[in-house]
Amino acid sequence: MLNLLLTEGAGEKTAAAGNQWWIYVVLIVMVVLMLVLPTITNRRRMKEYNQMLDQLRVGDKVRTIGGVVGRVTKITTKGDVKTFILETGAKGSKTTMEFDMAAVGTVLESTYVPPVEEKKEEKKEEKAEETEVKTEEVKEEVETQESAEKVETEEIKVETPSEDVVLAKKKTSKKSKK
């Protein structure tokens, strides 16, 4: 009988320990997330920051990480080190300082003009949106027209950059009273 009690107690302890495995899994997942998520967000921030530095041009108004605000007057590269000269101060007392490119905190006003290819893509997207709006308007017009007595259909072609869309437009004709 003592043996029976001992084995039952051991079985309960084993069952209780077996039910707690999920706690360890949750803890491991939380630790992994705490280590991985900051690196992912930091990588994204660094990519945006490097893109901002690549688009930095002479004439841009910037604020350095030290809080100095001014206009970039010259960008130079000496070996692997990229620097810029910042002009700051009032009209009568302008001061120029040379900073490392990593000193840029934010770009307040940019003179960056995207390349021609990017402009063409933006125009294509705008045209595609306009044609989508036009096709939706034609569809709404077709749906809202009431048929009187006789309905004729006429094909309307709306050109989109990728494909031609053919819509049917209803025309109503009234019988003349005699």
N, C-alpha and C. Protein backbone atom coordinates (compact mmCIF):
# COMPACT_ATOMS: atom_id res chain seq x y z
N MET A 1 0.82 -1.17 0.00
CA MET A 1 0.00 0.00 0.00
C MET A 1 0.88 1.25 0.00
N LEU A 2 1.98 1.21 0.70
CA LEU A 2 2.90 2.33 0.71
C LEU A 2 3.49 2.56 -0.69
N ASN A 3 3.76 1.43 -1.34
CA ASN A 3 4.25 1.51 -2.72
C ASN A 3 3.23 2.19 -3.63
N LEU A 4 2.00 1.90 -3.46
CA LEU A 4 0.93 2.46 -4.28
C LEU A 4 0.84 3.97 -4.08
N LEU A 5 0.96 4.43 -2.84
CA LEU A 5 0.91 5.86 -2.57
C LEU A 5 2.12 6.58 -3.14
N LEU A 6 3.29 5.96 -3.05
CA LEU A 6 4.49 6.58 -3.57
C LEU A 6 4.43 6.71 -5.09
N THR A 7 3.94 5.70 -5.75
CA THR A 7 3.87 5.77 -7.21
C THR A 7 2.81 6.77 -7.67
N GLU A 8 1.73 6.88 -6.93
CA GLU A 8 0.72 7.86 -7.31
C GLU A 8 1.24 9.28 -7.13
N GLY A 9 1.95 9.56 -6.07
CA GLY A 9 2.52 10.88 -5.82
C GLY A 9 3.56 11.23 -6.87
N ALA A 10 4.37 10.25 -7.25
CA ALA A 10 5.39 10.49 -8.27
C ALA A 10 4.73 10.77 -9.62
N GLY A 11 3.65 10.10 -9.90
CA GLY A 11 2.93 10.32 -11.15
C GLY A 11 2.35 11.72 -11.22
N GLU A 12 1.87 12.22 -10.11
CA GLU A 12 1.31 13.58 -10.09
C GLU A 12 2.41 14.61 -10.30
N LYS A 13 3.57 14.39 -9.69
CA LYS A 13 4.67 15.34 -9.86
C LYS A 13 5.15 15.35 -11.31
N THR A 14 5.22 14.18 -11.90
CA THR A 14 5.65 14.08 -13.30
C THR A 14 4.63 14.75 -14.22
N ALA A 15 3.37 14.58 -13.96
CA ALA A 15 2.32 15.18 -14.77
C ALA A 15 2.36 16.71 -14.62
N ALA A 16 2.58 17.18 -13.40
CA ALA A 16 2.64 18.63 -13.18
C ALA A 16 3.86 19.22 -13.89
N ALA A 17 4.97 18.54 -13.86
CA ALA A 17 6.17 19.02 -14.53
C ALA A 17 6.00 18.97 -16.05
N GLY A 18 5.29 17.99 -16.55
CA GLY A 18 5.04 17.86 -17.98
C GLY A 18 4.12 18.94 -18.51
N ASN A 19 3.22 19.45 -17.67
CA ASN A 19 2.29 20.50 -18.09
C ASN A 19 2.94 21.88 -18.10
N GLN A 20 4.12 22.05 -17.56
CA GLN A 20 4.77 23.35 -17.48
C GLN A 20 5.75 23.60 -18.62
N TRP A 21 5.89 22.74 -19.56
CA TRP A 21 6.84 22.91 -20.66
C TRP A 21 6.53 24.14 -21.50
N TRP A 22 5.25 24.50 -21.63
CA TRP A 22 4.86 25.63 -22.46
C TRP A 22 5.37 26.96 -21.88
N ILE A 23 5.55 27.02 -20.57
CA ILE A 23 6.09 28.24 -19.96
C ILE A 23 7.51 28.50 -20.47
N TYR A 24 8.30 27.43 -20.56
CA TYR A 24 9.67 27.57 -21.06
C TYR A 24 9.68 27.99 -22.53
N VAL A 25 8.76 27.47 -23.30
CA VAL A 25 8.67 27.84 -24.72
C VAL A 25 8.33 29.32 -24.86
N VAL A 26 7.36 29.80 -24.08
CA VAL A 26 6.97 31.21 -24.12
C VAL A 26 8.15 32.09 -23.72
N LEU A 27 8.87 31.72 -22.68
CA LEU A 27 10.03 32.50 -22.25
C LEU A 27 11.11 32.56 -23.33
N ILE A 28 11.37 31.45 -23.96
CA ILE A 28 12.38 31.41 -25.03
C ILE A 28 11.95 32.29 -26.20
N VAL A 29 10.68 32.21 -26.60
CA VAL A 29 10.18 33.03 -27.70
C VAL A 29 10.28 34.52 -27.35
N MET A 30 9.94 34.88 -26.13
CA MET A 30 10.03 36.29 -25.72
C MET A 30 11.46 36.79 -25.74
N VAL A 31 12.41 35.99 -25.30
CA VAL A 31 13.81 36.39 -25.31
C VAL A 31 14.29 36.58 -26.75
N VAL A 32 13.92 35.66 -27.62
CA VAL A 32 14.32 35.76 -29.03
C VAL A 32 13.73 37.03 -29.66
N LEU A 33 12.46 37.30 -29.39
CA LEU A 33 11.83 38.51 -29.93
C LEU A 33 12.49 39.77 -29.40
N MET A 34 12.86 39.77 -28.13
CA MET A 34 13.50 40.95 -27.54
C MET A 34 14.89 41.18 -28.16
N LEU A 35 15.52 40.14 -28.65
CA LEU A 35 16.83 40.29 -29.28
C LEU A 35 16.73 40.60 -30.77
N VAL A 36 15.73 40.07 -31.44
CA VAL A 36 15.62 40.19 -32.89
C VAL A 36 14.91 41.47 -33.33
N LEU A 37 13.80 41.83 -32.70
CA LEU A 37 13.03 42.99 -33.14
C LEU A 37 13.81 44.29 -33.12
N PRO A 38 14.59 44.59 -32.10
CA PRO A 38 15.36 45.84 -32.15
C PRO A 38 16.35 45.88 -33.30
N THR A 39 16.95 44.76 -33.66
CA THR A 39 17.90 44.77 -34.77
C THR A 39 17.19 45.01 -36.09
N ILE A 40 15.99 44.47 -36.24
CA ILE A 40 15.23 44.67 -37.48
C ILE A 40 14.84 46.14 -37.62
N THR A 41 14.30 46.74 -36.56
CA THR A 41 13.89 48.14 -36.65
C THR A 41 15.09 49.06 -36.80
N ASN A 42 16.20 48.72 -36.15
CA ASN A 42 17.41 49.53 -36.28
C ASN A 42 17.95 49.47 -37.70
N ARG A 43 17.89 48.32 -38.33
CA ARG A 43 18.35 48.15 -39.70
C ARG A 43 17.51 49.00 -40.64
N ARG A 44 16.20 49.03 -40.42
CA ARG A 44 15.30 49.83 -41.26
C ARG A 44 15.61 51.32 -41.08
N ARG A 45 15.80 51.76 -39.83
CA ARG A 45 16.13 53.15 -39.56
C ARG A 45 17.46 53.55 -40.22
N MET A 46 18.44 52.69 -40.15
CA MET A 46 19.74 52.97 -40.76
C MET A 46 19.62 53.08 -42.29
N LYS A 47 18.77 52.23 -42.88
CA LYS A 47 18.57 52.28 -44.33
C LYS A 47 17.96 53.62 -44.72
N GLU A 48 16.94 54.09 -43.97
CA GLU A 48 16.32 55.38 -44.25
C GLU A 48 17.31 56.52 -44.06
N TYR A 49 18.15 56.43 -43.02
CA TYR A 49 19.13 57.47 -42.73
C TYR A 49 20.17 57.54 -43.84
N ASN A 50 20.67 56.39 -44.29
CA ASN A 50 21.65 56.36 -45.39
C ASN A 50 21.04 56.90 -46.68
N GLN A 51 19.77 56.61 -46.91
CA GLN A 51 19.09 57.13 -48.10
C GLN A 51 18.99 58.66 -48.01
N MET A 52 18.72 59.18 -46.79
CA MET A 52 18.65 60.62 -46.60
C MET A 52 20.01 61.26 -46.87
N LEU A 53 21.10 60.62 -46.42
CA LEU A 53 22.44 61.15 -46.65
C LEU A 53 22.80 61.11 -48.13
N ASP A 54 22.36 60.07 -48.84
CA ASP A 54 22.64 59.97 -50.28
C ASP A 54 21.93 61.08 -51.06
N GLN A 55 20.78 61.51 -50.57
CA GLN A 55 20.01 62.54 -51.26
C GLN A 55 20.40 63.96 -50.82
N LEU A 56 21.34 64.08 -49.90
CA LEU A 56 21.77 65.39 -49.42
C LEU A 56 22.49 66.14 -50.54
N ARG A 57 22.08 67.38 -50.80
CA ARG A 57 22.63 68.19 -51.88
C ARG A 57 23.04 69.56 -51.33
N VAL A 58 23.87 70.26 -52.11
CA VAL A 58 24.26 71.62 -51.77
C VAL A 58 23.00 72.48 -51.82
N GLY A 59 22.78 73.29 -50.79
CA GLY A 59 21.59 74.14 -50.70
C GLY A 59 20.56 73.60 -49.74
N ASP A 60 20.69 72.36 -49.30
CA ASP A 60 19.75 71.78 -48.34
C ASP A 60 19.92 72.44 -46.98
N LYS A 61 18.82 72.62 -46.29
CA LYS A 61 18.86 73.15 -44.93
C LYS A 61 18.81 71.94 -43.99
N VAL A 62 19.83 71.81 -43.12
CA VAL A 62 19.93 70.65 -42.24
C VAL A 62 20.11 71.08 -40.79
N ARG A 63 19.79 70.15 -39.89
CA ARG A 63 20.08 70.31 -38.47
C ARG A 63 21.02 69.17 -38.09
N THR A 64 22.14 69.50 -37.47
CA THR A 64 23.11 68.48 -37.07
C THR A 64 22.64 67.81 -35.79
N ILE A 65 23.31 66.73 -35.42
CA ILE A 65 22.94 66.05 -34.18
C ILE A 65 23.26 66.91 -32.96
N GLY A 66 24.11 67.92 -33.13
CA GLY A 66 24.42 68.86 -32.05
C GLY A 66 23.44 70.01 -31.97
N GLY A 67 22.54 70.15 -32.95
CA GLY A 67 21.53 71.19 -32.93
C GLY A 67 21.86 72.40 -33.79
N VAL A 68 22.95 72.39 -34.52
CA VAL A 68 23.31 73.52 -35.38
C VAL A 68 22.48 73.44 -36.66
N VAL A 69 21.83 74.56 -37.00
CA VAL A 69 20.98 74.61 -38.19
C VAL A 69 21.63 75.53 -39.22
N GLY A 70 21.66 75.08 -40.46
CA GLY A 70 22.25 75.90 -41.52
C GLY A 70 22.06 75.27 -42.88
N ARG A 71 22.67 75.91 -43.90
CA ARG A 71 22.60 75.42 -45.28
C ARG A 71 23.91 74.77 -45.67
N VAL A 72 23.82 73.67 -46.42
CA VAL A 72 25.00 72.98 -46.92
C VAL A 72 25.55 73.78 -48.09
N THR A 73 26.83 74.15 -48.01
CA THR A 73 27.43 74.93 -49.10
C THR A 73 28.38 74.11 -49.95
N LYS A 74 28.93 73.04 -49.38
CA LYS A 74 29.88 72.22 -50.13
C LYS A 74 29.91 70.82 -49.54
N ILE A 75 30.00 69.82 -50.40
CA ILE A 75 30.14 68.42 -49.96
C ILE A 75 31.44 67.91 -50.55
N THR A 76 32.31 67.37 -49.70
CA THR A 76 33.61 66.87 -50.16
C THR A 76 33.82 65.45 -49.69
N THR A 77 34.67 64.73 -50.44
CA THR A 77 35.05 63.38 -50.07
C THR A 77 36.56 63.31 -50.03
N LYS A 78 37.07 62.95 -48.86
CA LYS A 78 38.52 62.80 -48.69
C LYS A 78 38.78 61.35 -48.30
N GLY A 79 39.14 60.55 -49.30
CA GLY A 79 39.32 59.12 -49.05
C GLY A 79 37.97 58.47 -48.78
N ASP A 80 37.84 57.86 -47.62
CA ASP A 80 36.57 57.23 -47.24
C ASP A 80 35.69 58.17 -46.43
N VAL A 81 36.19 59.33 -46.06
CA VAL A 81 35.47 60.25 -45.20
C VAL A 81 34.75 61.29 -46.04
N LYS A 82 33.43 61.38 -45.86
CA LYS A 82 32.62 62.35 -46.56
C LYS A 82 32.29 63.47 -45.58
N THR A 83 32.54 64.72 -45.97
CA THR A 83 32.25 65.86 -45.11
C THR A 83 31.43 66.89 -45.87
N PHE A 84 30.86 67.81 -45.11
CA PHE A 84 30.13 68.91 -45.74
C PHE A 84 30.41 70.19 -44.96
N ILE A 85 30.30 71.31 -45.66
CA ILE A 85 30.49 72.61 -45.02
C ILE A 85 29.11 73.23 -44.82
N LEU A 86 28.85 73.63 -43.57
CA LEU A 86 27.56 74.17 -43.19
C LEU A 86 27.70 75.67 -42.94
N GLU A 87 26.84 76.44 -43.58
CA GLU A 87 26.84 77.89 -43.39
C GLU A 87 25.68 78.23 -42.46
N THR A 88 25.97 78.93 -41.39
CA THR A 88 24.95 79.26 -40.41
C THR A 88 25.15 80.67 -39.90
N GLY A 89 24.14 81.24 -39.28
CA GLY A 89 24.24 82.58 -38.72
C GLY A 89 23.32 83.55 -39.41
N ALA A 90 23.31 84.78 -38.88
CA ALA A 90 22.47 85.84 -39.44
C ALA A 90 23.11 86.39 -40.71
N LYS A 91 22.40 87.22 -41.43
CA LYS A 91 22.88 87.74 -42.71
C LYS A 91 24.21 88.48 -42.57
N GLY A 92 24.36 89.27 -41.53
CA GLY A 92 25.57 90.05 -41.37
C GLY A 92 26.75 89.24 -40.84
N SER A 93 26.50 88.16 -40.15
CA SER A 93 27.60 87.39 -39.55
C SER A 93 27.47 85.90 -39.86
N LYS A 94 27.72 85.55 -41.10
CA LYS A 94 27.68 84.14 -41.52
C LYS A 94 28.91 83.41 -41.01
N THR A 95 28.72 82.18 -40.60
CA THR A 95 29.82 81.34 -40.14
C THR A 95 29.76 80.03 -40.89
N THR A 96 30.91 79.50 -41.29
CA THR A 96 30.95 78.20 -41.94
C THR A 96 31.71 77.22 -41.04
N MET A 97 31.20 75.99 -41.01
CA MET A 97 31.81 74.93 -40.22
C MET A 97 31.84 73.67 -41.06
N GLU A 98 32.85 72.85 -40.85
CA GLU A 98 32.95 71.59 -41.57
C GLU A 98 32.55 70.46 -40.63
N PHE A 99 31.65 69.61 -41.11
CA PHE A 99 31.15 68.48 -40.32
C PHE A 99 31.35 67.18 -41.09
N ASP A 100 31.42 66.10 -40.35
CA ASP A 100 31.38 64.77 -40.94
C ASP A 100 29.95 64.51 -41.38
N MET A 101 29.76 63.73 -42.41
CA MET A 101 28.43 63.44 -42.93
C MET A 101 27.53 62.79 -41.87
N ALA A 102 28.12 62.05 -40.94
CA ALA A 102 27.34 61.39 -39.90
C ALA A 102 26.77 62.37 -38.89
N ALA A 103 27.18 63.65 -38.96
CA ALA A 103 26.68 64.66 -38.04
C ALA A 103 25.30 65.17 -38.44
N VAL A 104 24.80 64.81 -39.61
CA VAL A 104 23.48 65.26 -40.04
C VAL A 104 22.43 64.55 -39.20
N GLY A 105 21.60 65.35 -38.55
CA GLY A 105 20.49 64.79 -37.78
C GLY A 105 19.26 64.63 -38.64
N THR A 106 18.81 65.75 -39.22
CA THR A 106 17.64 65.74 -40.10
C THR A 106 17.83 66.76 -41.21
N VAL A 107 17.16 66.53 -42.31
CA VAL A 107 17.14 67.49 -43.41
C VAL A 107 15.83 68.27 -43.27
N LEU A 108 15.94 69.57 -43.05
CA LEU A 108 14.76 70.40 -42.84
C LEU A 108 14.13 70.84 -44.16
N GLU A 109 14.94 71.26 -45.12
CA GLU A 109 14.47 71.63 -46.46
C GLU A 109 15.40 70.98 -47.47
N SER A 110 14.81 70.30 -48.43
CA SER A 110 15.62 69.58 -49.40
C SER A 110 15.49 70.21 -50.78
N THR A 111 16.59 70.19 -51.53
CA THR A 111 16.57 70.63 -52.92
C THR A 111 16.72 69.43 -53.85
N TYR A 112 16.54 68.22 -53.30
CA TYR A 112 16.71 66.99 -54.07
C TYR A 112 15.63 66.89 -55.12
N VAL A 113 16.04 66.66 -56.36
CA VAL A 113 15.13 66.45 -57.47
C VAL A 113 15.30 65.01 -57.91
N PRO A 114 14.22 64.20 -57.88
CA PRO A 114 14.37 62.80 -58.27
C PRO A 114 14.78 62.68 -59.74
N PRO A 115 15.49 61.60 -60.08
CA PRO A 115 15.88 61.39 -61.48
C PRO A 115 14.67 61.30 -62.40
N VAL A 116 14.90 61.47 -63.67
CA VAL A 116 13.85 61.49 -64.68
C VAL A 116 13.05 60.18 -64.67
N GLU A 117 13.71 59.05 -64.45
CA GLU A 117 13.03 57.75 -64.45
C GLU A 117 11.95 57.71 -63.39
N GLU A 118 12.26 58.23 -62.18
CA GLU A 118 11.27 58.23 -61.11
C GLU A 118 10.09 59.11 -61.46
N LYS A 119 10.35 60.25 -62.12
CA LYS A 119 9.27 61.14 -62.52
C LYS A 119 8.36 60.46 -63.53
N LYS A 120 8.96 59.72 -64.49
CA LYS A 120 8.16 59.02 -65.49
C LYS A 120 7.26 57.98 -64.83
N GLU A 121 7.81 57.24 -63.86
CA GLU A 121 7.01 56.24 -63.17
C GLU A 121 5.85 56.88 -62.42
N GLU A 122 6.10 58.04 -61.77
CA GLU A 122 5.04 58.74 -61.06
C GLU A 122 3.94 59.18 -62.03
N LYS A 123 4.35 59.68 -63.22
CA LYS A 123 3.35 60.11 -64.21
C LYS A 123 2.53 58.93 -64.70
N LYS A 124 3.18 57.77 -64.91
CA LYS A 124 2.45 56.58 -65.34
C LYS A 124 1.43 56.17 -64.29
N GLU A 125 1.82 56.23 -63.02
CA GLU A 125 0.91 55.87 -61.94
C GLU A 125 -0.28 56.83 -61.89
N GLU A 126 -0.01 58.13 -62.08
CA GLU A 126 -1.09 59.12 -62.08
C GLU A 126 -2.06 58.86 -63.23
N LYS A 127 -1.51 58.56 -64.44
CA LYS A 127 -2.37 58.29 -65.59
C LYS A 127 -3.21 57.04 -65.35
N ALA A 128 -2.60 56.01 -64.74
CA ALA A 128 -3.34 54.79 -64.45
C ALA A 128 -4.48 55.07 -63.48
N GLU A 129 -4.23 55.90 -62.48
CA GLU A 129 -5.27 56.25 -61.52
C GLU A 129 -6.39 57.03 -62.20
N GLU A 130 -6.03 57.96 -63.10
CA GLU A 130 -7.04 58.74 -63.82
C GLU A 130 -7.92 57.83 -64.67
N THR A 131 -7.33 56.88 -65.37
CA THR A 131 -8.12 55.99 -66.22
C THR A 131 -9.01 55.09 -65.36
N GLU A 132 -8.52 54.69 -64.19
CA GLU A 132 -9.35 53.89 -63.30
C GLU A 132 -10.56 54.69 -62.85
N VAL A 133 -10.35 55.96 -62.52
CA VAL A 133 -11.46 56.82 -62.11
C VAL A 133 -12.44 56.98 -63.25
N LYS A 134 -11.94 57.18 -64.48
CA LYS A 134 -12.82 57.34 -65.64
C LYS A 134 -13.64 56.08 -65.89
N THR A 135 -13.01 54.91 -65.80
CA THR A 135 -13.75 53.67 -66.02
C THR A 135 -14.81 53.47 -64.95
N GLU A 136 -14.49 53.84 -63.71
CA GLU A 136 -15.48 53.73 -62.64
C GLU A 136 -16.66 54.67 -62.89
N GLU A 137 -16.37 55.90 -63.37
CA GLU A 137 -17.44 56.85 -63.66
C GLU A 137 -18.33 56.32 -64.77
N VAL A 138 -17.75 55.74 -65.81
CA VAL A 138 -18.53 55.20 -66.92
C VAL A 138 -19.37 54.02 -66.43
N LYS A 139 -18.79 53.18 -65.59
CA LYS A 139 -19.55 52.04 -65.04
C LYS A 139 -20.73 52.53 -64.21
N GLU A 140 -20.51 53.56 -63.39
CA GLU A 140 -21.59 54.10 -62.57
C GLU A 140 -22.68 54.70 -63.45
N GLU A 141 -22.27 55.38 -64.51
CA GLU A 141 -23.22 55.99 -65.42
C GLU A 141 -24.07 54.92 -66.09
N VAL A 142 -23.45 53.83 -66.50
CA VAL A 142 -24.16 52.74 -67.15
C VAL A 142 -25.15 52.11 -66.17
N GLU A 143 -24.73 51.94 -64.93
CA GLU A 143 -25.60 51.31 -63.94
C GLU A 143 -26.79 52.19 -63.56
N THR A 144 -26.58 53.50 -63.52
CA THR A 144 -27.63 54.41 -63.05
C THR A 144 -28.63 54.81 -64.13
N GLN A 145 -28.30 54.63 -65.39
CA GLN A 145 -29.24 55.01 -66.45
C GLN A 145 -30.44 54.07 -66.44
N GLU A 146 -31.60 54.68 -66.57
CA GLU A 146 -32.81 53.86 -66.63
C GLU A 146 -33.16 53.61 -68.09
N SER A 147 -33.63 52.39 -68.32
CA SER A 147 -34.03 52.09 -69.69
C SER A 147 -35.48 52.52 -69.88
N ALA A 148 -35.75 53.24 -70.95
CA ALA A 148 -37.10 53.74 -71.21
C ALA A 148 -37.92 52.63 -71.88
N GLU A 149 -37.87 52.56 -73.19
CA GLU A 149 -38.60 51.52 -73.89
C GLU A 149 -37.68 50.65 -74.70
N LYS A 150 -36.69 51.24 -75.32
CA LYS A 150 -35.79 50.50 -76.17
C LYS A 150 -34.37 50.80 -75.72
N VAL A 151 -33.54 49.78 -75.61
CA VAL A 151 -32.18 49.98 -75.15
C VAL A 151 -31.22 49.49 -76.21
N GLU A 152 -30.31 50.38 -76.62
CA GLU A 152 -29.27 49.99 -77.55
C GLU A 152 -27.95 50.03 -76.80
N THR A 153 -27.01 49.20 -77.20
CA THR A 153 -25.71 49.19 -76.54
C THR A 153 -24.65 49.72 -77.49
N GLU A 154 -23.69 50.40 -76.92
CA GLU A 154 -22.59 50.96 -77.69
C GLU A 154 -21.31 50.67 -76.91
N GLU A 155 -20.30 50.20 -77.60
CA GLU A 155 -19.04 49.87 -76.93
C GLU A 155 -18.21 51.13 -76.77
N ILE A 156 -17.63 51.29 -75.56
CA ILE A 156 -16.74 52.41 -75.27
C ILE A 156 -15.42 51.80 -74.85
N LYS A 157 -14.34 52.22 -75.50
CA LYS A 157 -13.02 51.71 -75.13
C LYS A 157 -12.33 52.76 -74.26
N VAL A 158 -11.87 52.30 -73.11
CA VAL A 158 -11.09 53.16 -72.22
C VAL A 158 -9.69 52.58 -72.18
N GLU A 159 -8.73 53.37 -72.59
CA GLU A 159 -7.36 52.87 -72.66
C GLU A 159 -6.67 53.02 -71.31
N THR A 160 -6.11 51.93 -70.86
CA THR A 160 -5.29 51.95 -69.65
C THR A 160 -3.88 51.58 -70.07
N PRO A 161 -2.89 51.90 -69.24
CA PRO A 161 -1.52 51.57 -69.63
C PRO A 161 -1.29 50.08 -69.87
N SER A 162 -2.03 49.21 -69.17
CA SER A 162 -1.76 47.79 -69.28
C SER A 162 -2.70 47.06 -70.24
N GLU A 163 -3.97 47.47 -70.30
CA GLU A 163 -4.91 46.73 -71.13
C GLU A 163 -6.06 47.64 -71.54
N ASP A 164 -6.84 47.20 -72.54
CA ASP A 164 -8.01 47.94 -72.96
C ASP A 164 -9.23 47.38 -72.26
N VAL A 165 -10.05 48.25 -71.72
CA VAL A 165 -11.26 47.84 -71.03
C VAL A 165 -12.43 48.24 -71.92
N VAL A 166 -13.32 47.31 -72.17
CA VAL A 166 -14.47 47.59 -73.02
C VAL A 166 -15.71 47.57 -72.14
N LEU A 167 -16.45 48.65 -72.17
CA LEU A 167 -17.66 48.77 -71.36
C LEU A 167 -18.85 48.95 -72.29
N ALA A 168 -19.98 48.50 -71.86
CA ALA A 168 -21.21 48.68 -72.63
C ALA A 168 -21.97 49.84 -72.03
N LYS A 169 -22.40 50.78 -72.87
CA LYS A 169 -23.14 51.95 -72.42
C LYS A 169 -24.56 51.86 -72.98
N LYS A 170 -25.50 52.10 -72.09
CA LYS A 170 -26.90 52.00 -72.52
C LYS A 170 -27.36 53.33 -73.09
N LYS A 171 -28.10 53.26 -74.20
CA LYS A 171 -28.70 54.45 -74.79
C LYS A 171 -30.21 54.24 -74.81
N THR A 172 -30.87 55.26 -74.45
CA THR A 172 -32.33 55.14 -74.45
C THR A 172 -32.90 55.90 -75.63
N SER A 173 -33.94 55.35 -76.20
CA SER A 173 -34.63 56.05 -77.29
C SER A 173 -36.12 56.07 -76.97
N LYS A 174 -36.74 57.21 -77.18
CA LYS A 174 -38.16 57.36 -76.85
C LYS A 174 -38.99 57.29 -78.14
N LYS A 175 -40.14 56.69 -77.99
CA LYS A 175 -41.04 56.62 -79.14
C LYS A 175 -41.76 57.98 -79.28
N SER A 176 -41.90 58.39 -80.47
CA SER A 176 -42.61 59.65 -80.68
C SER A 176 -44.11 59.41 -80.62
N LYS A 177 -44.79 60.31 -79.99
CA LYS A 177 -46.27 60.19 -79.87
C LYS A 177 -46.92 60.77 -81.13
N LYS A 178 -47.83 60.01 -81.67
CA LYS A 178 -48.53 60.45 -82.89
C LYS A 178 -49.96 60.75 -82.62
